[in-house]
mmCIF file of all heavy atoms, coordinates in Angstrom:
data_MODEL
# 
_entry.id   MODEL 
# 
loop_
_atom_site.group_PDB 
_atom_site.id 
_atom_site.type_symbol 
_atom_site.label_atom_id 
_atom_site.label_alt_id 
_atom_site.label_comp_id 
_atom_site.label_asym_id 
_atom_site.label_entity_id 
_atom_site.label_seq_id 
_atom_site.pdbx_PDB_ins_code 
_atom_site.Cartn_x 
_atom_site.Cartn_y 
_atom_site.Cartn_z 
_atom_site.occupancy 
_atom_site.B_iso_or_equiv 
_atom_site.pdbx_formal_charge 
_atom_site.auth_seq_id 
_atom_site.auth_comp_id 
_atom_site.auth_asym_id 
_atom_site.auth_atom_id 
_atom_site.pdbx_PDB_model_num 
ATOM 1   N N   . LEU A 1 1  ? -1.987  -2.756 -0.050  1.00 0.00 ? 1  LEU A N   1 
ATOM 2   C CA  . LEU A 1 1  ? -1.958  -1.245 0.133   1.00 0.00 ? 1  LEU A CA  1 
ATOM 3   C C   . LEU A 1 1  ? -2.577  -0.788 1.407   1.00 0.00 ? 1  LEU A C   1 
ATOM 4   O O   . LEU A 1 1  ? -1.837  0.102  2.073   1.00 0.00 ? 1  LEU A O   1 
ATOM 5   C CB  . LEU A 1 1  ? -2.761  -0.706 -0.957  1.00 0.00 ? 1  LEU A CB  1 
ATOM 6   C CG  . LEU A 1 1  ? -2.891  0.864  -1.143  1.00 0.00 ? 1  LEU A CG  1 
ATOM 7   C CD1 . LEU A 1 1  ? -1.504  1.422  -1.350  1.00 0.00 ? 1  LEU A CD1 1 
ATOM 8   C CD2 . LEU A 1 1  ? -3.837  1.172  -2.271  1.00 0.00 ? 1  LEU A CD2 1 
ATOM 9   N N   . ILE A 1 2  ? -3.651  -1.381 1.915   1.00 0.00 ? 2  ILE A N   1 
ATOM 10  C CA  . ILE A 1 2  ? -4.303  -0.855 3.109   1.00 0.00 ? 2  ILE A CA  1 
ATOM 11  C C   . ILE A 1 2  ? -3.468  -1.050 4.355   1.00 0.00 ? 2  ILE A C   1 
ATOM 12  O O   . ILE A 1 2  ? -3.376  -0.003 5.132   1.00 0.00 ? 2  ILE A O   1 
ATOM 13  C CB  . ILE A 1 2  ? -5.712  -1.553 3.239   1.00 0.00 ? 2  ILE A CB  1 
ATOM 14  C CG1 . ILE A 1 2  ? -6.661  -1.268 2.104   1.00 0.00 ? 2  ILE A CG1 1 
ATOM 15  C CG2 . ILE A 1 2  ? -6.396  -1.108 4.650   1.00 0.00 ? 2  ILE A CG2 1 
ATOM 16  C CD1 . ILE A 1 2  ? -6.930  0.297  1.902   1.00 0.00 ? 2  ILE A CD1 1 
ATOM 17  N N   . PRO A 1 3  ? -2.861  -2.162 4.690   1.00 0.00 ? 3  PRO A N   1 
ATOM 18  C CA  . PRO A 1 3  ? -2.002  -2.269 5.926   1.00 0.00 ? 3  PRO A CA  1 
ATOM 19  C C   . PRO A 1 3  ? -0.877  -1.256 5.719   1.00 0.00 ? 3  PRO A C   1 
ATOM 20  O O   . PRO A 1 3  ? -0.517  -0.746 6.687   1.00 0.00 ? 3  PRO A O   1 
ATOM 21  C CB  . PRO A 1 3  ? -1.573  -3.687 5.837   1.00 0.00 ? 3  PRO A CB  1 
ATOM 22  C CG  . PRO A 1 3  ? -2.654  -4.482 5.017   1.00 0.00 ? 3  PRO A CG  1 
ATOM 23  C CD  . PRO A 1 3  ? -2.980  -3.422 3.979   1.00 0.00 ? 3  PRO A CD  1 
ATOM 24  N N   . ALA A 1 4  ? -0.255  -1.143 4.550   1.00 0.00 ? 4  ALA A N   1 
ATOM 25  C CA  . ALA A 1 4  ? 0.837   -0.304 4.347   1.00 0.00 ? 4  ALA A CA  1 
ATOM 26  C C   . ALA A 1 4  ? 0.503   1.181  4.762   1.00 0.00 ? 4  ALA A C   1 
ATOM 27  O O   . ALA A 1 4  ? 1.259   1.886  5.499   1.00 0.00 ? 4  ALA A O   1 
ATOM 28  C CB  . ALA A 1 4  ? 1.406   -0.270 3.007   1.00 0.00 ? 4  ALA A CB  1 
ATOM 29  N N   . ILE A 1 5  ? -0.607  1.561  4.240   1.00 0.00 ? 5  ILE A N   1 
ATOM 30  C CA  . ILE A 1 5  ? -1.147  2.971  4.482   1.00 0.00 ? 5  ILE A CA  1 
ATOM 31  C C   . ILE A 1 5  ? -1.351  3.248  5.950   1.00 0.00 ? 5  ILE A C   1 
ATOM 32  O O   . ILE A 1 5  ? -0.921  4.121  6.615   1.00 0.00 ? 5  ILE A O   1 
ATOM 33  C CB  . ILE A 1 5  ? -2.347  3.311  3.657   1.00 0.00 ? 5  ILE A CB  1 
ATOM 34  C CG1 . ILE A 1 5  ? -2.004  3.235  2.205   1.00 0.00 ? 5  ILE A CG1 1 
ATOM 35  C CG2 . ILE A 1 5  ? -2.798  4.677  3.969   1.00 0.00 ? 5  ILE A CG2 1 
ATOM 36  C CD1 . ILE A 1 5  ? -3.194  3.388  1.336   1.00 0.00 ? 5  ILE A CD1 1 
ATOM 37  N N   . ILE A 1 6  ? -2.175  2.425  6.569   1.00 0.00 ? 6  ILE A N   1 
ATOM 38  C CA  . ILE A 1 6  ? -2.611  2.605  8.020   1.00 0.00 ? 6  ILE A CA  1 
ATOM 39  C C   . ILE A 1 6  ? -1.647  2.561  8.972   1.00 0.00 ? 6  ILE A C   1 
ATOM 40  O O   . ILE A 1 6  ? -1.695  3.216  10.113  1.00 0.00 ? 6  ILE A O   1 
ATOM 41  C CB  . ILE A 1 6  ? -3.771  1.585  8.229   1.00 0.00 ? 6  ILE A CB  1 
ATOM 42  C CG1 . ILE A 1 6  ? -4.652  2.082  9.510   1.00 0.00 ? 6  ILE A CG1 1 
ATOM 43  C CG2 . ILE A 1 6  ? -3.087  0.251  8.707   1.00 0.00 ? 6  ILE A CG2 1 
ATOM 44  C CD1 . ILE A 1 6  ? -5.864  1.326  9.804   1.00 0.00 ? 6  ILE A CD1 1 
ATOM 45  N N   . MET A 1 7  ? -0.536  1.908  8.652   1.00 0.00 ? 7  MET A N   1 
ATOM 46  C CA  . MET A 1 7  ? 0.747   1.779  9.515   1.00 0.00 ? 7  MET A CA  1 
ATOM 47  C C   . MET A 1 7  ? 1.566   3.108  9.532   1.00 0.00 ? 7  MET A C   1 
ATOM 48  O O   . MET A 1 7  ? 2.506   3.276  10.283  1.00 0.00 ? 7  MET A O   1 
ATOM 49  C CB  . MET A 1 7  ? 1.548   0.627  9.296   1.00 0.00 ? 7  MET A CB  1 
ATOM 50  C CG  . MET A 1 7  ? 1.013   -0.657 9.910   1.00 0.00 ? 7  MET A CG  1 
ATOM 51  S SD  . MET A 1 7  ? 0.770   -0.628 11.625  1.00 0.00 ? 7  MET A SD  1 
ATOM 52  C CE  . MET A 1 7  ? 2.462   -0.392 12.166  1.00 0.00 ? 7  MET A CE  1 
ATOM 53  N N   . GLY A 1 8  ? 1.218   4.038  8.523   1.00 0.00 ? 8  GLY A N   1 
ATOM 54  C CA  . GLY A 1 8  ? 1.916   5.273  8.558   1.00 0.00 ? 8  GLY A CA  1 
ATOM 55  C C   . GLY A 1 8  ? 2.950   5.344  7.284   1.00 0.00 ? 8  GLY A C   1 
ATOM 56  O O   . GLY A 1 8  ? 3.674   6.268  7.141   1.00 0.00 ? 8  GLY A O   1 
ATOM 57  N N   . ASN A 1 9  ? 2.982   4.267  6.441   1.00 0.00 ? 9  ASN A N   1 
ATOM 58  C CA  . ASN A 1 9  ? 3.833   4.439  5.233   1.00 0.00 ? 9  ASN A CA  1 
ATOM 59  C C   . ASN A 1 9  ? 3.146   5.216  4.029   1.00 0.00 ? 9  ASN A C   1 
ATOM 60  O O   . ASN A 1 9  ? 1.920   5.570  4.225   1.00 0.00 ? 9  ASN A O   1 
ATOM 61  C CB  . ASN A 1 9  ? 4.050   3.002  4.738   1.00 0.00 ? 9  ASN A CB  1 
ATOM 62  C CG  . ASN A 1 9  ? 4.650   1.977  5.664   1.00 0.00 ? 9  ASN A CG  1 
ATOM 63  O OD1 . ASN A 1 9  ? 5.825   2.113  5.928   1.00 0.00 ? 9  ASN A OD1 1 
ATOM 64  N ND2 . ASN A 1 9  ? 3.931   1.168  6.244   1.00 0.00 ? 9  ASN A ND2 1 
ATOM 65  N N   . THR A 1 10 ? 3.871   5.678  3.260   1.00 0.00 ? 10 THR A N   1 
ATOM 66  C CA  . THR A 1 10 ? 3.317   6.367  2.055   1.00 0.00 ? 10 THR A CA  1 
ATOM 67  C C   . THR A 1 10 ? 3.556   5.449  0.847   1.00 0.00 ? 10 THR A C   1 
ATOM 68  O O   . THR A 1 10 ? 4.392   4.557  0.820   1.00 0.00 ? 10 THR A O   1 
ATOM 69  C CB  . THR A 1 10 ? 3.998   7.727  1.763   1.00 0.00 ? 10 THR A CB  1 
ATOM 70  O OG1 . THR A 1 10 ? 5.467   7.618  1.500   1.00 0.00 ? 10 THR A OG1 1 
ATOM 71  C CG2 . THR A 1 10 ? 3.837   8.630  3.005   1.00 0.00 ? 10 THR A CG2 1 
ATOM 72  N N   . ALA A 1 11 ? 2.680   5.593  -0.190  1.00 0.00 ? 11 ALA A N   1 
ATOM 73  C CA  . ALA A 1 11 ? 2.746   4.613  -1.285  1.00 0.00 ? 11 ALA A CA  1 
ATOM 74  C C   . ALA A 1 11 ? 2.614   5.158  -2.646  1.00 0.00 ? 11 ALA A C   1 
ATOM 75  O O   . ALA A 1 11 ? 1.919   6.188  -2.893  1.00 0.00 ? 11 ALA A O   1 
ATOM 76  C CB  . ALA A 1 11 ? 1.550   3.595  -1.036  1.00 0.00 ? 11 ALA A CB  1 
ATOM 77  N N   . VAL A 1 12 ? 3.194   4.437  -3.536  1.00 0.00 ? 12 VAL A N   1 
ATOM 78  C CA  . VAL A 1 12 ? 2.871   4.718  -4.951  1.00 0.00 ? 12 VAL A CA  1 
ATOM 79  C C   . VAL A 1 12 ? 2.261   3.421  -5.572  1.00 0.00 ? 12 VAL A C   1 
ATOM 80  O O   . VAL A 1 12 ? 2.660   2.300  -5.276  1.00 0.00 ? 12 VAL A O   1 
ATOM 81  C CB  . VAL A 1 12 ? 4.271   4.938  -5.877  1.00 0.00 ? 12 VAL A CB  1 
ATOM 82  C CG1 . VAL A 1 12 ? 3.966   5.016  -7.248  1.00 0.00 ? 12 VAL A CG1 1 
ATOM 83  C CG2 . VAL A 1 12 ? 4.960   6.165  -5.294  1.00 0.00 ? 12 VAL A CG2 1 
ATOM 84  N N   . PHE A 1 13 ? 1.079   3.622  -5.997  1.00 0.00 ? 13 PHE A N   1 
ATOM 85  C CA  . PHE A 1 13 ? 0.153   2.400  -6.451  1.00 0.00 ? 13 PHE A CA  1 
ATOM 86  C C   . PHE A 1 13 ? 0.054   2.455  -7.979  1.00 0.00 ? 13 PHE A C   1 
ATOM 87  O O   . PHE A 1 13 ? -0.420  3.468  -8.412  1.00 0.00 ? 13 PHE A O   1 
ATOM 88  C CB  . PHE A 1 13 ? -1.038  2.386  -5.612  1.00 0.00 ? 13 PHE A CB  1 
ATOM 89  C CG  . PHE A 1 13 ? -2.163  1.792  -6.149  1.00 0.00 ? 13 PHE A CG  1 
ATOM 90  C CD1 . PHE A 1 13 ? -1.972  0.347  -6.546  1.00 0.00 ? 13 PHE A CD1 1 
ATOM 91  C CD2 . PHE A 1 13 ? -3.470  2.114  -6.090  1.00 0.00 ? 13 PHE A CD2 1 
ATOM 92  C CE1 . PHE A 1 13 ? -3.083  -0.342 -6.945  1.00 0.00 ? 13 PHE A CE1 1 
ATOM 93  C CE2 . PHE A 1 13 ? -4.515  1.404  -6.545  1.00 0.00 ? 13 PHE A CE2 1 
ATOM 94  C CZ  . PHE A 1 13 ? -4.276  0.177  -7.053  1.00 0.00 ? 13 PHE A CZ  1 
ATOM 95  N N   . LYS A 1 14 ? 0.221   1.264  -8.572  1.00 0.00 ? 14 LYS A N   1 
ATOM 96  C CA  . LYS A 1 14 ? -0.083  1.216  -9.917  1.00 0.00 ? 14 LYS A CA  1 
ATOM 97  C C   . LYS A 1 14 ? -0.973  -0.098 -10.153 1.00 0.00 ? 14 LYS A C   1 
ATOM 98  O O   . LYS A 1 14 ? -0.504  -1.175 -9.767  1.00 0.00 ? 14 LYS A O   1 
ATOM 99  C CB  . LYS A 1 14 ? 1.272   1.104  -10.820 1.00 0.00 ? 14 LYS A CB  1 
ATOM 100 C CG  . LYS A 1 14 ? 0.960   1.074  -12.341 1.00 0.00 ? 14 LYS A CG  1 
ATOM 101 C CD  . LYS A 1 14 ? 2.058   0.419  -13.134 1.00 0.00 ? 14 LYS A CD  1 
ATOM 102 C CE  . LYS A 1 14 ? 1.942   -1.103 -13.279 1.00 0.00 ? 14 LYS A CE  1 
ATOM 103 N NZ  . LYS A 1 14 ? 0.712   -1.564 -14.047 1.00 0.00 ? 14 LYS A NZ  1 
ATOM 104 N N   . PRO A 1 15 ? -2.101  0.067  -10.600 1.00 0.00 ? 15 PRO A N   1 
ATOM 105 C CA  . PRO A 1 15 ? -3.185  -0.961 -10.846 1.00 0.00 ? 15 PRO A CA  1 
ATOM 106 C C   . PRO A 1 15 ? -2.432  -1.976 -11.850 1.00 0.00 ? 15 PRO A C   1 
ATOM 107 O O   . PRO A 1 15 ? -1.616  -1.643 -12.709 1.00 0.00 ? 15 PRO A O   1 
ATOM 108 C CB  . PRO A 1 15 ? -4.366  -0.376 -11.310 1.00 0.00 ? 15 PRO A CB  1 
ATOM 109 C CG  . PRO A 1 15 ? -4.251  1.145  -11.087 1.00 0.00 ? 15 PRO A CG  1 
ATOM 110 C CD  . PRO A 1 15 ? -2.739  1.420  -11.049 1.00 0.00 ? 15 PRO A CD  1 
ATOM 111 N N   . ALA A 1 16 ? -2.980  -3.258 -11.878 1.00 0.00 ? 16 ALA A N   1 
ATOM 112 C CA  . ALA A 1 16 ? -2.591  -4.164 -12.888 1.00 0.00 ? 16 ALA A CA  1 
ATOM 113 C C   . ALA A 1 16 ? -3.090  -3.764 -14.248 1.00 0.00 ? 16 ALA A C   1 
ATOM 114 O O   . ALA A 1 16 ? -3.973  -2.957 -14.368 1.00 0.00 ? 16 ALA A O   1 
ATOM 115 C CB  . ALA A 1 16 ? -3.125  -5.523 -12.547 1.00 0.00 ? 16 ALA A CB  1 
ATOM 116 N N   . LYS A 1 17 ? -2.478  -4.431 -15.242 1.00 0.00 ? 17 LYS A N   1 
ATOM 117 C CA  . LYS A 1 17 ? -2.770  -4.170 -16.567 1.00 0.00 ? 17 LYS A CA  1 
ATOM 118 C C   . LYS A 1 17 ? -4.262  -4.370 -16.995 1.00 0.00 ? 17 LYS A C   1 
ATOM 119 O O   . LYS A 1 17 ? -5.000  -3.703 -17.616 1.00 0.00 ? 17 LYS A O   1 
ATOM 120 C CB  . LYS A 1 17 ? -1.851  -4.946 -17.610 1.00 0.00 ? 17 LYS A CB  1 
ATOM 121 C CG  . LYS A 1 17 ? -2.037  -4.489 -19.065 1.00 0.00 ? 17 LYS A CG  1 
ATOM 122 C CD  . LYS A 1 17 ? -1.108  -5.442 -19.962 1.00 0.00 ? 17 LYS A CD  1 
ATOM 123 C CE  . LYS A 1 17 ? -1.297  -5.046 -21.409 1.00 0.00 ? 17 LYS A CE  1 
ATOM 124 N NZ  . LYS A 1 17 ? -0.465  -5.741 -22.278 1.00 0.00 ? 17 LYS A NZ  1 
ATOM 125 N N   . GLN A 1 18 ? -4.733  -5.587 -16.381 1.00 0.00 ? 18 GLN A N   1 
ATOM 126 C CA  . GLN A 1 18 ? -6.252  -5.814 -16.633 1.00 0.00 ? 18 GLN A CA  1 
ATOM 127 C C   . GLN A 1 18 ? -6.810  -5.602 -15.218 1.00 0.00 ? 18 GLN A C   1 
ATOM 128 O O   . GLN A 1 18 ? -6.145  -5.930 -14.176 1.00 0.00 ? 18 GLN A O   1 
ATOM 129 C CB  . GLN A 1 18 ? -6.417  -7.389 -16.965 1.00 0.00 ? 18 GLN A CB  1 
ATOM 130 C CG  . GLN A 1 18 ? -6.205  -7.607 -18.516 1.00 0.00 ? 18 GLN A CG  1 
ATOM 131 C CD  . GLN A 1 18 ? -4.823  -7.899 -18.774 1.00 0.00 ? 18 GLN A CD  1 
ATOM 132 O OE1 . GLN A 1 18 ? -4.023  -8.461 -17.952 1.00 0.00 ? 18 GLN A OE1 1 
ATOM 133 N NE2 . GLN A 1 18 ? -4.334  -7.589 -19.944 1.00 0.00 ? 18 GLN A NE2 1 
ATOM 134 N N   . GLY A 1 19 ? -8.016  -5.112 -15.237 1.00 0.00 ? 19 GLY A N   1 
ATOM 135 C CA  . GLY A 1 19 ? -8.666  -4.675 -13.906 1.00 0.00 ? 19 GLY A CA  1 
ATOM 136 C C   . GLY A 1 19 ? -8.092  -3.417 -13.466 1.00 0.00 ? 19 GLY A C   1 
ATOM 137 O O   . GLY A 1 19 ? -7.867  -3.082 -12.295 1.00 0.00 ? 19 GLY A O   1 
ATOM 138 N N   . VAL A 1 20 ? -8.004  -2.430 -14.396 1.00 0.00 ? 20 VAL A N   1 
ATOM 139 C CA  . VAL A 1 20 ? -7.479  -1.142 -14.144 1.00 0.00 ? 20 VAL A CA  1 
ATOM 140 C C   . VAL A 1 20 ? -8.626  -0.065 -14.088 1.00 0.00 ? 20 VAL A C   1 
ATOM 141 O O   . VAL A 1 20 ? -8.550  0.833  -13.210 1.00 0.00 ? 20 VAL A O   1 
ATOM 142 C CB  . VAL A 1 20 ? -6.507  -0.679 -15.117 1.00 0.00 ? 20 VAL A CB  1 
ATOM 143 C CG1 . VAL A 1 20 ? -6.999  -0.795 -16.661 1.00 0.00 ? 20 VAL A CG1 1 
ATOM 144 C CG2 . VAL A 1 20 ? -5.840  0.577  -15.000 1.00 0.00 ? 20 VAL A CG2 1 
ATOM 145 N N   . LEU A 1 21 ? -9.708  -0.228 -14.916 1.00 0.00 ? 21 LEU A N   1 
ATOM 146 C CA  . LEU A 1 21 ? -10.797 0.859  -14.853 1.00 0.00 ? 21 LEU A CA  1 
ATOM 147 C C   . LEU A 1 21 ? -11.481 0.786  -13.495 1.00 0.00 ? 21 LEU A C   1 
ATOM 148 O O   . LEU A 1 21 ? -12.060 1.846  -13.129 1.00 0.00 ? 21 LEU A O   1 
ATOM 149 C CB  . LEU A 1 21 ? -11.716 0.610  -16.076 1.00 0.00 ? 21 LEU A CB  1 
ATOM 150 C CG  . LEU A 1 21 ? -11.102 1.023  -17.457 1.00 0.00 ? 21 LEU A CG  1 
ATOM 151 C CD1 . LEU A 1 21 ? -12.041 0.709  -18.515 1.00 0.00 ? 21 LEU A CD1 1 
ATOM 152 C CD2 . LEU A 1 21 ? -10.829 2.529  -17.519 1.00 0.00 ? 21 LEU A CD2 1 
ATOM 153 N N   . LEU A 1 22 ? -11.585 -0.324 -12.878 1.00 0.00 ? 22 LEU A N   1 
ATOM 154 C CA  . LEU A 1 22 ? -12.410 -0.405 -11.689 1.00 0.00 ? 22 LEU A CA  1 
ATOM 155 C C   . LEU A 1 22 ? -11.748 0.425  -10.531 1.00 0.00 ? 22 LEU A C   1 
ATOM 156 O O   . LEU A 1 22 ? -12.344 0.577  -9.494  1.00 0.00 ? 22 LEU A O   1 
ATOM 157 C CB  . LEU A 1 22 ? -12.496 -1.847 -11.322 1.00 0.00 ? 22 LEU A CB  1 
ATOM 158 C CG  . LEU A 1 22 ? -11.297 -2.714 -11.082 1.00 0.00 ? 22 LEU A CG  1 
ATOM 159 C CD1 . LEU A 1 22 ? -10.816 -2.605 -9.570  1.00 0.00 ? 22 LEU A CD1 1 
ATOM 160 C CD2 . LEU A 1 22 ? -11.513 -4.086 -11.451 1.00 0.00 ? 22 LEU A CD2 1 
ATOM 161 N N   . ILE A 1 23 ? -10.548 0.771  -10.738 1.00 0.00 ? 23 ILE A N   1 
ATOM 162 C CA  . ILE A 1 23 ? -9.718  1.642  -9.750  1.00 0.00 ? 23 ILE A CA  1 
ATOM 163 C C   . ILE A 1 23 ? -10.182 3.215  -9.753  1.00 0.00 ? 23 ILE A C   1 
ATOM 164 O O   . ILE A 1 23 ? -10.200 3.899  -8.873  1.00 0.00 ? 23 ILE A O   1 
ATOM 165 C CB  . ILE A 1 23 ? -8.330  1.492  -9.781  1.00 0.00 ? 23 ILE A CB  1 
ATOM 166 C CG1 . ILE A 1 23 ? -7.866  0.072  -9.484  1.00 0.00 ? 23 ILE A CG1 1 
ATOM 167 C CG2 . ILE A 1 23 ? -7.611  2.375  -8.913  1.00 0.00 ? 23 ILE A CG2 1 
ATOM 168 C CD1 . ILE A 1 23 ? -8.260  -0.429 -8.129  1.00 0.00 ? 23 ILE A CD1 1 
ATOM 169 N N   . ALA A 1 24 ? -10.647 3.455  -11.088 1.00 0.00 ? 24 ALA A N   1 
ATOM 170 C CA  . ALA A 1 24 ? -11.008 4.873  -11.334 1.00 0.00 ? 24 ALA A CA  1 
ATOM 171 C C   . ALA A 1 24 ? -12.015 5.440  -10.408 1.00 0.00 ? 24 ALA A C   1 
ATOM 172 O O   . ALA A 1 24 ? -11.896 6.627  -9.950  1.00 0.00 ? 24 ALA A O   1 
ATOM 173 C CB  . ALA A 1 24 ? -11.387 5.045  -12.798 1.00 0.00 ? 24 ALA A CB  1 
ATOM 174 N N   . PRO A 1 25 ? -13.115 4.800  -10.037 1.00 0.00 ? 25 PRO A N   1 
ATOM 175 C CA  . PRO A 1 25 ? -14.106 5.271  -9.247  1.00 0.00 ? 25 PRO A CA  1 
ATOM 176 C C   . PRO A 1 25 ? -13.573 5.543  -7.763  1.00 0.00 ? 25 PRO A C   1 
ATOM 177 O O   . PRO A 1 25 ? -14.166 6.306  -6.978  1.00 0.00 ? 25 PRO A O   1 
ATOM 178 C CB  . PRO A 1 25 ? -15.205 4.190  -9.099  1.00 0.00 ? 25 PRO A CB  1 
ATOM 179 C CG  . PRO A 1 25 ? -15.009 3.415  -10.252 1.00 0.00 ? 25 PRO A CG  1 
ATOM 180 C CD  . PRO A 1 25 ? -13.546 3.483  -10.535 1.00 0.00 ? 25 PRO A CD  1 
ATOM 181 N N   . LEU A 1 26 ? -12.348 4.985  -7.349  1.00 0.00 ? 26 LEU A N   1 
ATOM 182 C CA  . LEU A 1 26 ? -11.874 5.043  -6.019  1.00 0.00 ? 26 LEU A CA  1 
ATOM 183 C C   . LEU A 1 26 ? -10.695 6.197  -5.919  1.00 0.00 ? 26 LEU A C   1 
ATOM 184 O O   . LEU A 1 26 ? -10.280 6.489  -4.793  1.00 0.00 ? 26 LEU A O   1 
ATOM 185 C CB  . LEU A 1 26 ? -11.296 3.672  -5.646  1.00 0.00 ? 26 LEU A CB  1 
ATOM 186 C CG  . LEU A 1 26 ? -12.413 2.615  -5.747  1.00 0.00 ? 26 LEU A CG  1 
ATOM 187 C CD1 . LEU A 1 26 ? -11.455 1.249  -5.187  1.00 0.00 ? 26 LEU A CD1 1 
ATOM 188 C CD2 . LEU A 1 26 ? -13.514 2.819  -4.761  1.00 0.00 ? 26 LEU A CD2 1 
ATOM 189 N N   . ILE A 1 27 ? -10.328 6.724  -6.940  1.00 0.00 ? 27 ILE A N   1 
ATOM 190 C CA  . ILE A 1 27 ? -9.147  7.647  -6.885  1.00 0.00 ? 27 ILE A CA  1 
ATOM 191 C C   . ILE A 1 27 ? -9.601  8.860  -6.090  1.00 0.00 ? 27 ILE A C   1 
ATOM 192 O O   . ILE A 1 27 ? -8.851  9.317  -5.302  1.00 0.00 ? 27 ILE A O   1 
ATOM 193 C CB  . ILE A 1 27 ? -8.760  8.023  -8.444  1.00 0.00 ? 27 ILE A CB  1 
ATOM 194 C CG1 . ILE A 1 27 ? -8.181  6.951  -9.065  1.00 0.00 ? 27 ILE A CG1 1 
ATOM 195 C CG2 . ILE A 1 27 ? -7.704  9.299  -8.263  1.00 0.00 ? 27 ILE A CG2 1 
ATOM 196 C CD1 . ILE A 1 27 ? -7.536  7.268  -10.519 1.00 0.00 ? 27 ILE A CD1 1 
# 
């Protein structure tokens, strides 16, 4: 995700089925 964004792309990001709640604090 990070290289894609910083180069100027836009993104749709879906977290994995497990390890999903840990993304919540970063939204």
